Amino acid sequence: MSYPGDPDHLKVGHTSRTPRARACEIGGTMAPKTPVVEVSWWCADARRLEKLTHHRLRDVRVNGEWFRETLAGIEDAVEHVAEVYGIHIERSPRP
């Protein structure tokens, strides 16, 4: 997810809800604007993928699950972690 006007400040996380529902939840309670879902993947081991991706992106962490990185950089990190650790992911259709 990203905030409108700040496409290089991205959230990397997992949710048990739909990504759009999670974005609305964040926008309604934790921020003045609702974030935009940029890309999503399906993964049976989402917590592990999230943790390992956060570790890989640790040098660009801004706060919590938010990172100062391009969308391409986030996609590369997720796909790299999945490949290295043998985590099966399926990219979801464009949100």
PDB file of N, CA and C in Angstrom:
ATOM      1  N   MET A   1       0.839  -1.174   0.000  1.00  0.00           N
ATOM      2  CA  MET A   1       0.000   0.000   0.000  1.00  0.00           C
ATOM      3  C   MET A   1       0.884   1.237   0.000  1.00  0.00           C
ATOM      4  N   SER A   2       0.355   2.297  -0.550  1.00  0.00           N
ATOM      5  CA  SER A   2       1.030   3.596  -0.490  1.00  0.00           C
ATOM      6  C   SER A   2      -0.028   4.654  -0.177  1.00  0.00           C
ATOM      7  N   TYR A   3       0.447   5.799   0.274  1.00  0.00           N
ATOM      8  CA  TYR A   3      -0.471   6.915   0.485  1.00  0.00           C
ATOM      9  C   TYR A   3      -0.507   7.773  -0.763  1.00  0.00           C
ATOM     10  N   PRO A   4      -1.672   8.311  -1.095  1.00  0.00           N
ATOM     11  CA  PRO A   4      -1.756   9.194  -2.263  1.00  0.00           C
ATOM     12  C   PRO A   4      -0.722  10.312  -2.154  1.00  0.00           C
ATOM     13  N   GLY A   5       0.015  10.536  -3.228  1.00  0.00           N
ATOM     14  CA  GLY A   5       1.022  11.586  -3.249  1.00  0.00           C
ATOM     15  C   GLY A   5       2.375  11.163  -2.712  1.00  0.00           C
ATOM     16  N   ASP A   6       2.507   9.937  -2.209  1.00  0.00           N
ATOM     17  CA  ASP A   6       3.782   9.467  -1.659  1.00  0.00           C
ATOM     18  C   ASP A   6       4.003   8.013  -2.076  1.00  0.00           C
ATOM     19  N   PRO A   7       4.219   7.768  -3.379  1.00  0.00           N
ATOM     20  CA  PRO A   7       4.307   6.393  -3.869  1.00  0.00           C
ATOM     21  C   PRO A   7       5.561   5.635  -3.434  1.00  0.00           C
ATOM     22  N   ASP A   8       6.545   6.317  -2.849  1.00  0.00           N
ATOM     23  CA  ASP A   8       7.758   5.631  -2.404  1.00  0.00           C
ATOM     24  C   ASP A   8       7.771   5.394  -0.897  1.00  0.00           C
ATOM     25  N   HIS A   9       6.628   5.493  -0.263  1.00  0.00           N
ATOM     26  CA  HIS A   9       6.474   5.211   1.167  1.00  0.00           C
ATOM     27  C   HIS A   9       5.436   4.090   1.222  1.00  0.00           C
ATOM     28  N   LEU A  10       5.921   2.840   1.246  1.00  0.00           N
ATOM     29  CA  LEU A  10       5.047   1.691   1.047  1.00  0.00           C
ATOM     30  C   LEU A  10       4.939   0.801   2.269  1.00  0.00           C
ATOM     31  N   LYS A  11       3.755   0.246   2.461  1.00  0.00           N
ATOM     32  CA  LYS A  11       3.492  -0.689   3.559  1.00  0.00           C
ATOM     33  C   LYS A  11       3.634  -2.113   3.032  1.00  0.00           C
ATOM     34  N   VAL A  12       4.349  -2.923   3.792  1.00  0.00           N
ATOM     35  CA  VAL A  12       4.494  -4.338   3.469  1.00  0.00           C
ATOM     36  C   VAL A  12       3.891  -5.111   4.629  1.00  0.00           C
ATOM     37  N   GLY A  13       2.815  -5.831   4.371  1.00  0.00           N
ATOM     38  CA  GLY A  13       2.168  -6.572   5.443  1.00  0.00           C
ATOM     39  C   GLY A  13       1.221  -7.616   4.905  1.00  0.00           C
ATOM     40  N   HIS A  14       0.691  -8.403   5.810  1.00  0.00           N
ATOM     41  CA  HIS A  14      -0.294  -9.416   5.418  1.00  0.00           C
ATOM     42  C   HIS A  14      -1.598  -9.119   6.148  1.00  0.00           C
ATOM     43  N   THR A  15      -2.659  -9.665   5.629  1.00  0.00           N
ATOM     44  CA  THR A  15      -3.963  -9.460   6.235  1.00  0.00           C
ATOM     45  C   THR A  15      -4.837 -10.680   6.011  1.00  0.00           C
ATOM     46  N   SER A  16      -5.731 -10.906   6.935  1.00  0.00           N
ATOM     47  CA  SER A  16      -6.699 -11.987   6.756  1.00  0.00           C
ATOM     48  C   SER A  16      -7.939 -11.469   6.016  1.00  0.00           C
ATOM     49  N   ARG A  17      -8.029 -10.152   5.870  1.00  0.00           N
ATOM     50  CA  ARG A  17      -9.117  -9.533   5.115  1.00  0.00           C
ATOM     51  C   ARG A  17      -8.635  -9.273   3.688  1.00  0.00           C
ATOM     52  N   THR A  18      -9.482  -8.710   2.855  1.00  0.00           N
ATOM     53  CA  THR A  18      -9.032  -8.319   1.524  1.00  0.00           C
ATOM     54  C   THR A  18      -8.099  -7.113   1.667  1.00  0.00           C
ATOM     55  N   PRO A  19      -7.154  -6.954   0.743  1.00  0.00           N
ATOM     56  CA  PRO A  19      -6.267  -5.787   0.832  1.00  0.00           C
ATOM     57  C   PRO A  19      -7.025  -4.459   0.843  1.00  0.00           C
ATOM     58  N   ARG A  20      -8.084  -4.358   0.048  1.00  0.00           N
ATOM     59  CA  ARG A  20      -8.866  -3.099   0.044  1.00  0.00           C
ATOM     60  C   ARG A  20      -9.539  -2.842   1.397  1.00  0.00           C
ATOM     61  N   ALA A  21     -10.061  -3.899   2.011  1.00  0.00           N
ATOM     62  CA  ALA A  21     -10.694  -3.736   3.327  1.00  0.00           C
ATOM     63  C   ALA A  21      -9.662  -3.280   4.351  1.00  0.00           C
ATOM     64  N   ARG A  22      -8.464  -3.841   4.282  1.00  0.00           N
ATOM     65  CA  ARG A  22      -7.401  -3.449   5.202  1.00  0.00           C
ATOM     66  C   ARG A  22      -7.002  -1.995   4.974  1.00  0.00           C
ATOM     67  N   ALA A  23      -6.925  -1.568   3.718  1.00  0.00           N
ATOM     68  CA  ALA A  23      -6.581  -0.177   3.414  1.00  0.00           C
ATOM     69  C   ALA A  23      -7.620   0.778   3.989  1.00  0.00           C
ATOM     70  N   CYS A  24      -8.887   0.437   3.863  1.00  0.00           N
ATOM     71  CA  CYS A  24      -9.959   1.272   4.431  1.00  0.00           C
ATOM     72  C   CYS A  24      -9.854   1.330   5.947  1.00  0.00           C
ATOM     73  N   GLU A  25      -9.530   0.204   6.552  1.00  0.00           N
ATOM     74  CA  GLU A  25      -9.378   0.155   8.007  1.00  0.00           C
ATOM     75  C   GLU A  25      -8.248   1.071   8.465  1.00  0.00           C
ATOM     76  N   ILE A  26      -7.118   1.014   7.785  1.00  0.00           N
ATOM     77  CA  ILE A  26      -5.980   1.859   8.154  1.00  0.00           C
ATOM     78  C   ILE A  26      -6.334   3.320   7.947  1.00  0.00           C
ATOM     79  N   GLY A  27      -6.948   3.638   6.813  1.00  0.00           N
ATOM     80  CA  GLY A  27      -7.309   5.017   6.531  1.00  0.00           C
ATOM     81  C   GLY A  27      -8.334   5.562   7.506  1.00  0.00           C
ATOM     82  N   GLY A  28      -9.188   4.690   8.005  1.00  0.00           N
ATOM     83  CA  GLY A  28     -10.228   5.146   8.912  1.00  0.00           C
ATOM     84  C   GLY A  28      -9.792   5.317  10.345  1.00  0.00           C
ATOM     85  N   THR A  29      -8.687   4.687  10.736  1.00  0.00           N
ATOM     86  CA  THR A  29      -8.313   4.723  12.147  1.00  0.00           C
ATOM     87  C   THR A  29      -6.914   5.236  12.423  1.00  0.00           C
ATOM     88  N   MET A  30      -6.014   5.091  11.472  1.00  0.00           N
ATOM     89  CA  MET A  30      -4.620   5.382  11.779  1.00  0.00           C
ATOM     90  C   MET A  30      -4.006   6.488  10.938  1.00  0.00           C
ATOM     91  N   ALA A  31      -4.719   7.017   9.963  1.00  0.00           N
ATOM     92  CA  ALA A  31      -4.129   8.009   9.082  1.00  0.00           C
ATOM     93  C   ALA A  31      -5.203   8.923   8.508  1.00  0.00           C
ATOM     94  N   PRO A  32      -4.802  10.130   8.097  1.00  0.00           N
ATOM     95  CA  PRO A  32      -5.787  11.053   7.531  1.00  0.00           C
ATOM     96  C   PRO A  32      -6.283  10.641   6.153  1.00  0.00           C
ATOM     97  N   LYS A  33      -5.502   9.840   5.421  1.00  0.00           N
ATOM     98  CA  LYS A  33      -5.897   9.406   4.078  1.00  0.00           C
ATOM     99  C   LYS A  33      -5.941   7.885   4.030  1.00  0.00           C
ATOM    100  N   THR A  34      -6.760   7.363   3.132  1.00  0.00           N
ATOM    101  CA  THR A  34      -6.814   5.915   2.934  1.00  0.00           C
ATOM    102  C   THR A  34      -5.709   5.513   1.961  1.00  0.00           C
ATOM    103  N   PRO A  35      -4.878   4.542   2.343  1.00  0.00           N
ATOM    104  CA  PRO A  35      -3.818   4.104   1.428  1.00  0.00           C
ATOM    105  C   PRO A  35      -4.384   3.406   0.202  1.00  0.00           C
ATOM    106  N   VAL A  36      -3.560   3.332  -0.825  1.00  0.00           N
ATOM    107  CA  VAL A  36      -3.908   2.688  -2.082  1.00  0.00           C
ATOM    108  C   VAL A  36      -3.211   1.328  -2.124  1.00  0.00           C
ATOM    109  N   VAL A  37      -3.939   0.287  -2.460  1.00  0.00           N
ATOM    110  CA  VAL A  37      -3.338  -1.029  -2.612  1.00  0.00           C
ATOM    111  C   VAL A  37      -2.604  -1.037  -3.951  1.00  0.00           C
ATOM    112  N   GLU A  38      -1.297  -1.241  -3.899  1.00  0.00           N
ATOM    113  CA  GLU A  38      -0.469  -1.218  -5.102  1.00  0.00           C
ATOM    114  C   GLU A  38      -0.327  -2.595  -5.739  1.00  0.00           C
ATOM    115  N   VAL A  39      -0.083  -3.603  -4.916  1.00  0.00           N
ATOM    116  CA  VAL A  39       0.106  -4.969  -5.414  1.00  0.00           C
ATOM    117  C   VAL A  39      -0.165  -5.924  -4.262  1.00  0.00           C
ATOM    118  N   SER A  40      -0.631  -7.121  -4.590  1.00  0.00           N
ATOM    119  CA  SER A  40      -0.833  -8.119  -3.542  1.00  0.00           C
ATOM    120  C   SER A  40      -0.511  -9.503  -4.084  1.00  0.00           C
ATOM    121  N   TRP A  41      -0.156 -10.376  -3.170  1.00  0.00           N
ATOM    122  CA  TRP A  41       0.133 -11.765  -3.486  1.00  0.00           C
ATOM    123  C   TRP A  41      -0.670 -12.635  -2.549  1.00  0.00           C
ATOM    124  N   TRP A  42      -0.995 -13.842  -3.002  1.00  0.00           N
ATOM    125  CA  TRP A  42      -1.553 -14.855  -2.124  1.00  0.00           C
ATOM    126  C   TRP A  42      -0.384 -15.715  -1.664  1.00  0.00           C
ATOM    127  N   CYS A  43      -0.404 -16.084  -0.383  1.00  0.00           N
ATOM    128  CA  CYS A  43       0.679 -16.891   0.166  1.00  0.00           C
ATOM    129  C   CYS A  43       0.152 -17.627   1.386  1.00  0.00           C
ATOM    130  N   ALA A  44       0.360 -18.932   1.437  1.00  0.00           N
ATOM    131  CA  ALA A  44      -0.090 -19.717   2.583  1.00  0.00           C
ATOM    132  C   ALA A  44       0.746 -19.431   3.826  1.00  0.00           C
ATOM    133  N   ASP A  45       1.970 -18.972   3.636  1.00  0.00           N
ATOM    134  CA  ASP A  45       2.881 -18.702   4.749  1.00  0.00           C
ATOM    135  C   ASP A  45       3.150 -17.200   4.842  1.00  0.00           C
ATOM    136  N   ALA A  46       2.073 -16.416   4.878  1.00  0.00           N
ATOM    137  CA  ALA A  46       2.173 -14.957   4.785  1.00  0.00           C
ATOM    138  C   ALA A  46       2.952 -14.333   5.934  1.00  0.00           C
ATOM    139  N   ARG A  47       2.764 -14.819   7.138  1.00  0.00           N
ATOM    140  CA  ARG A  47       3.492 -14.227   8.282  1.00  0.00           C
ATOM    141  C   ARG A  47       5.004 -14.374   8.109  1.00  0.00           C
ATOM    142  N   ARG A  48       5.429 -15.559   7.671  1.00  0.00           N
ATOM    143  CA  ARG A  48       6.862 -15.799   7.460  1.00  0.00           C
ATOM    144  C   ARG A  48       7.386 -14.928   6.309  1.00  0.00           C
ATOM    145  N   LEU A  49       6.643 -14.865   5.211  1.00  0.00           N
ATOM    146  CA  LEU A  49       7.042 -14.031   4.079  1.00  0.00           C
ATOM    147  C   LEU A  49       7.166 -12.576   4.513  1.00  0.00           C
ATOM    148  N   GLU A  50       6.199 -12.098   5.278  1.00  0.00           N
ATOM    149  CA  GLU A  50       6.225 -10.722   5.758  1.00  0.00           C
ATOM    150  C   GLU A  50       7.457 -10.472   6.626  1.00  0.00           C
ATOM    151  N   LYS A  51       7.702 -11.331   7.585  1.00  0.00           N
ATOM    152  CA  LYS A  51       8.831 -11.163   8.508  1.00  0.00           C
ATOM    153  C   LYS A  51      10.164 -11.141   7.751  1.00  0.00           C
ATOM    154  N   LEU A  52      10.330 -12.087   6.833  1.00  0.00           N
ATOM    155  CA  LEU A  52      11.581 -12.158   6.077  1.00  0.00           C
ATOM    156  C   LEU A  52      11.740 -10.968   5.129  1.00  0.00           C
ATOM    157  N   THR A  53      10.642 -10.509   4.542  1.00  0.00           N
ATOM    158  CA  THR A  53      10.703  -9.342   3.660  1.00  0.00           C
ATOM    159  C   THR A  53      11.036  -8.091   4.466  1.00  0.00           C
ATOM    160  N   HIS A  54      10.438  -7.939   5.640  1.00  0.00           N
ATOM    161  CA  HIS A  54      10.771  -6.803   6.505  1.00  0.00           C
ATOM    162  C   HIS A  54      12.262  -6.812   6.836  1.00  0.00           C
ATOM    163  N   HIS A  55      12.790  -7.994   7.120  1.00  0.00           N
ATOM    164  CA  HIS A  55      14.222  -8.093   7.438  1.00  0.00           C
ATOM    165  C   HIS A  55      15.065  -7.668   6.230  1.00  0.00           C
ATOM    166  N   ARG A  56      14.686  -8.131   5.060  1.00  0.00           N
ATOM    167  CA  ARG A  56      15.437  -7.775   3.850  1.00  0.00           C
ATOM    168  C   ARG A  56      15.396  -6.267   3.600  1.00  0.00           C
ATOM    169  N   LEU A  57      14.295  -5.618   3.944  1.00  0.00           N
ATOM    170  CA  LEU A  57      14.122  -4.181   3.710  1.00  0.00           C
ATOM    171  C   LEU A  57      14.494  -3.322   4.921  1.00  0.00           C
ATOM    172  N   ARG A  58      15.127  -3.909   5.918  1.00  0.00           N
ATOM    173  CA  ARG A  58      15.376  -3.218   7.190  1.00  0.00           C
ATOM    174  C   ARG A  58      16.102  -1.876   7.032  1.00  0.00           C
ATOM    175  N   ASP A  59      16.953  -1.735   6.027  1.00  0.00           N
ATOM    176  CA  ASP A  59      17.709  -0.492   5.855  1.00  0.00           C
ATOM    177  C   ASP A  59      16.866   0.660   5.327  1.00  0.00           C
ATOM    178  N   VAL A  60      15.669   0.358   4.826  1.00  0.00           N
ATOM    179  CA  VAL A  60      14.800   1.420   4.306  1.00  0.00           C
ATOM    180  C   VAL A  60      13.491   1.518   5.106  1.00  0.00           C
ATOM    181  N   ARG A  61      13.475   0.900   6.288  1.00  0.00           N
ATOM    182  CA  ARG A  61      12.277   0.977   7.146  1.00  0.00           C
ATOM    183  C   ARG A  61      12.104   2.406   7.647  1.00  0.00           C
ATOM    184  N   VAL A  62      10.876   2.898   7.549  1.00  0.00           N
ATOM    185  CA  VAL A  62      10.537   4.220   8.046  1.00  0.00           C
ATOM    186  C   VAL A  62       9.927   4.086   9.440  1.00  0.00           C
ATOM    187  N   ASN A  63       8.907   3.226   9.533  1.00  0.00           N
ATOM    188  CA  ASN A  63       8.202   3.044  10.800  1.00  0.00           C
ATOM    189  C   ASN A  63       7.338   1.796  10.687  1.00  0.00           C
ATOM    190  N   GLY A  64       7.478   0.882  11.616  1.00  0.00           N
ATOM    191  CA  GLY A  64       6.636  -0.310  11.612  1.00  0.00           C
ATOM    192  C   GLY A  64       6.730  -1.087  10.321  1.00  0.00           C
ATOM    193  N   GLU A  65       5.614  -1.153   9.596  1.00  0.00           N
ATOM    194  CA  GLU A  65       5.549  -1.890   8.333  1.00  0.00           C
ATOM    195  C   GLU A  65       5.688  -0.979   7.121  1.00  0.00           C
ATOM    196  N   TRP A  66       6.123   0.250   7.321  1.00  0.00           N
ATOM    197  CA  TRP A  66       6.248   1.224   6.237  1.00  0.00           C
ATOM    198  C   TRP A  66       7.714   1.387   5.853  1.00  0.00           C
ATOM    199  N   PHE A  67       7.958   1.404   4.536  1.00  0.00           N
ATOM    200  CA  PHE A  67       9.308   1.444   4.007  1.00  0.00           C
ATOM    201  C   PHE A  67       9.433   2.519   2.942  1.00  0.00           C
ATOM    202  N   ARG A  68      10.574   3.199   2.910  1.00  0.00           N
ATOM    203  CA  ARG A  68      10.863   4.198   1.875  1.00  0.00           C
ATOM    204  C   ARG A  68      11.564   3.445   0.745  1.00  0.00           C
ATOM    205  N   GLU A  69      10.778   2.995  -0.223  1.00  0.00           N
ATOM    206  CA  GLU A  69      11.280   2.171  -1.325  1.00  0.00           C
ATOM    207  C   GLU A  69      10.326   2.302  -2.494  1.00  0.00           C
ATOM    208  N   THR A  70      10.819   2.045  -3.680  1.00  0.00           N
ATOM    209  CA  THR A  70       9.955   2.066  -4.852  1.00  0.00           C
ATOM    210  C   THR A  70       9.104   0.794  -4.874  1.00  0.00           C
ATOM    211  N   LEU A  71       8.031   0.832  -5.628  1.00  0.00           N
ATOM    212  CA  LEU A  71       7.192  -0.354  -5.775  1.00  0.00           C
ATOM    213  C   LEU A  71       8.007  -1.495  -6.384  1.00  0.00           C
ATOM    214  N   ALA A  72       8.828  -1.195  -7.381  1.00  0.00           N
ATOM    215  CA  ALA A  72       9.668  -2.227  -7.997  1.00  0.00           C
ATOM    216  C   ALA A  72      10.620  -2.833  -6.973  1.00  0.00           C
ATOM    217  N   GLY A  73      11.162  -2.012  -6.081  1.00  0.00           N
ATOM    218  CA  GLY A  73      12.055  -2.508  -5.040  1.00  0.00           C
ATOM    219  C   GLY A  73      11.349  -3.433  -4.066  1.00  0.00           C
ATOM    220  N   ILE A  74      10.113  -3.090  -3.716  1.00  0.00           N
ATOM    221  CA  ILE A  74       9.313  -3.944  -2.824  1.00  0.00           C
ATOM    222  C   ILE A  74       8.997  -5.261  -3.523  1.00  0.00           C
ATOM    223  N   GLU A  75       8.555  -5.185  -4.771  1.00  0.00           N
ATOM    224  CA  GLU A  75       8.230  -6.403  -5.521  1.00  0.00           C
ATOM    225  C   GLU A  75       9.455  -7.313  -5.620  1.00  0.00           C
ATOM    226  N   ASP A  76      10.607  -6.730  -5.922  1.00  0.00           N
ATOM    227  CA  ASP A  76      11.839  -7.522  -6.006  1.00  0.00           C
ATOM    228  C   ASP A  76      12.155  -8.188  -4.671  1.00  0.00           C
ATOM    229  N   ALA A  77      11.985  -7.454  -3.570  1.00  0.00           N
ATOM    230  CA  ALA A  77      12.283  -8.010  -2.243  1.00  0.00           C
ATOM    231  C   ALA A  77      11.359  -9.180  -1.920  1.00  0.00           C
ATOM    232  N   VAL A  78      10.069  -9.016  -2.157  1.00  0.00           N
ATOM    233  CA  VAL A  78       9.107 -10.094  -1.880  1.00  0.00           C
ATOM    234  C   VAL A  78       9.426 -11.320  -2.725  1.00  0.00           C
ATOM    235  N   GLU A  79       9.643 -11.111  -4.006  1.00  0.00           N
ATOM    236  CA  GLU A  79       9.910 -12.237  -4.901  1.00  0.00           C
ATOM    237  C   GLU A  79      11.243 -12.916  -4.580  1.00  0.00           C
ATOM    238  N   HIS A  80      12.243 -12.130  -4.188  1.00  0.00           N
ATOM    239  CA  HIS A  80      13.542 -12.694  -3.808  1.00  0.00           C
ATOM    240  C   HIS A  80      13.403 -13.560  -2.553  1.00  0.00           C
ATOM    241  N   VAL A  81      12.736 -13.036  -1.543  1.00  0.00           N
ATOM    242  CA  VAL A  81      12.535 -13.793  -0.293  1.00  0.00           C
ATOM    243  C   VAL A  81      11.784 -15.088  -0.584  1.00  0.00           C
ATOM    244  N   ALA A  82      10.732 -14.995  -1.371  1.00  0.00           N
ATOM    245  CA  ALA A  82       9.950 -16.197  -1.700  1.00  0.00           C
ATOM    246  C   ALA A  82      10.825 -17.239  -2.383  1.00  0.00           C
ATOM    247  N   GLU A  83      11.650 -16.799  -3.317  1.00  0.00           N
ATOM    248  CA  GLU A  83      12.510 -17.736  -4.043  1.00  0.00           C
ATOM    249  C   GLU A  83      13.573 -18.353  -3.128  1.00  0.00           C
ATOM    250  N   VAL A  84      14.256 -17.528  -2.364  1.00  0.00           N
ATOM    251  CA  VAL A  84      15.341 -18.006  -1.507  1.00  0.00           C
ATOM    252  C   VAL A  84      14.833 -18.971  -0.438  1.00  0.00           C
ATOM    253  N   TYR A  85      13.671 -18.684   0.133  1.00  0.00           N
ATOM    254  CA  TYR A  85      13.156 -19.499   1.232  1.00  0.00           C
ATOM    255  C   TYR A  85      12.124 -20.536   0.796  1.00  0.00           C
ATOM    256  N   GLY A  86      11.904 -20.652  -0.512  1.00  0.00           N
ATOM    257  CA  GLY A  86      10.979 -21.656  -1.017  1.00  0.00           C
ATOM    258  C   GLY A  86       9.539 -21.441  -0.594  1.00  0.00           C
ATOM    259  N   ILE A  87       9.136 -20.182  -0.534  1.00  0.00           N
ATOM    260  CA  ILE A  87       7.760 -19.835  -0.156  1.00  0.00           C
ATOM    261  C   ILE A  87       6.966 -19.621  -1.440  1.00  0.00           C
ATOM    262  N   HIS A  88       5.908 -20.380  -1.612  1.00  0.00           N
ATOM    263  CA  HIS A  88       5.079 -20.265  -2.814  1.00  0.00           C
ATOM    264  C   HIS A  88       4.209 -19.016  -2.715  1.00  0.00           C
ATOM    265  N   ILE A  89       4.292 -18.165  -3.721  1.00  0.00           N
ATOM    266  CA  ILE A  89       3.433 -16.974  -3.792  1.00  0.00           C
ATOM    267  C   ILE A  89       2.754 -16.953  -5.149  1.00  0.00           C
ATOM    268  N   GLU A  90       1.575 -16.344  -5.178  1.00  0.00           N
ATOM    269  CA  GLU A  90       0.849 -16.132  -6.423  1.00  0.00           C
ATOM    270  C   GLU A  90       0.432 -14.672  -6.451  1.00  0.00           C
ATOM    271  N   ARG A  91       0.858 -13.986  -7.477  1.00  0.00           N
ATOM    272  CA  ARG A  91       0.495 -12.580  -7.594  1.00  0.00           C
ATOM    273  C   ARG A  91      -0.986 -12.458  -7.894  1.00  0.00           C
ATOM    274  N   SER A  92      -1.662 -11.607  -7.156  1.00  0.00           N
ATOM    275  CA  SER A  92      -3.084 -11.378  -7.359  1.00  0.00           C
ATOM    276  C   SER A  92      -3.278 -10.408  -8.524  1.00  0.00           C
ATOM    277  N   PRO A  93      -4.459 -10.466  -9.156  1.00  0.00           N
ATOM    278  CA  PRO A  93      -4.729  -9.489 -10.220  1.00  0.00           C
ATOM    279  C   PRO A  93      -4.620  -8.075  -9.657  1.00  0.00           C
ATOM    280  N   ARG A  94      -4.342  -7.146 -10.515  1.00  0.00           N
ATOM    281  CA  ARG A  94      -4.204  -5.747 -10.101  1.00  0.00           C
ATOM    282  C   ARG A  94      -5.393  -5.344  -9.240  1.00  0.00           C
ATOM    283  N   PRO A  95      -5.121  -4.802  -8.050  1.00  0.00           N
ATOM    284  CA  PRO A  95      -6.233  -4.427  -7.144  1.00  0.00           C
ATOM    285  C   PRO A  95      -7.121  -3.347  -7.724  1.00  0.00           C
TER     286      PRO A  95
END
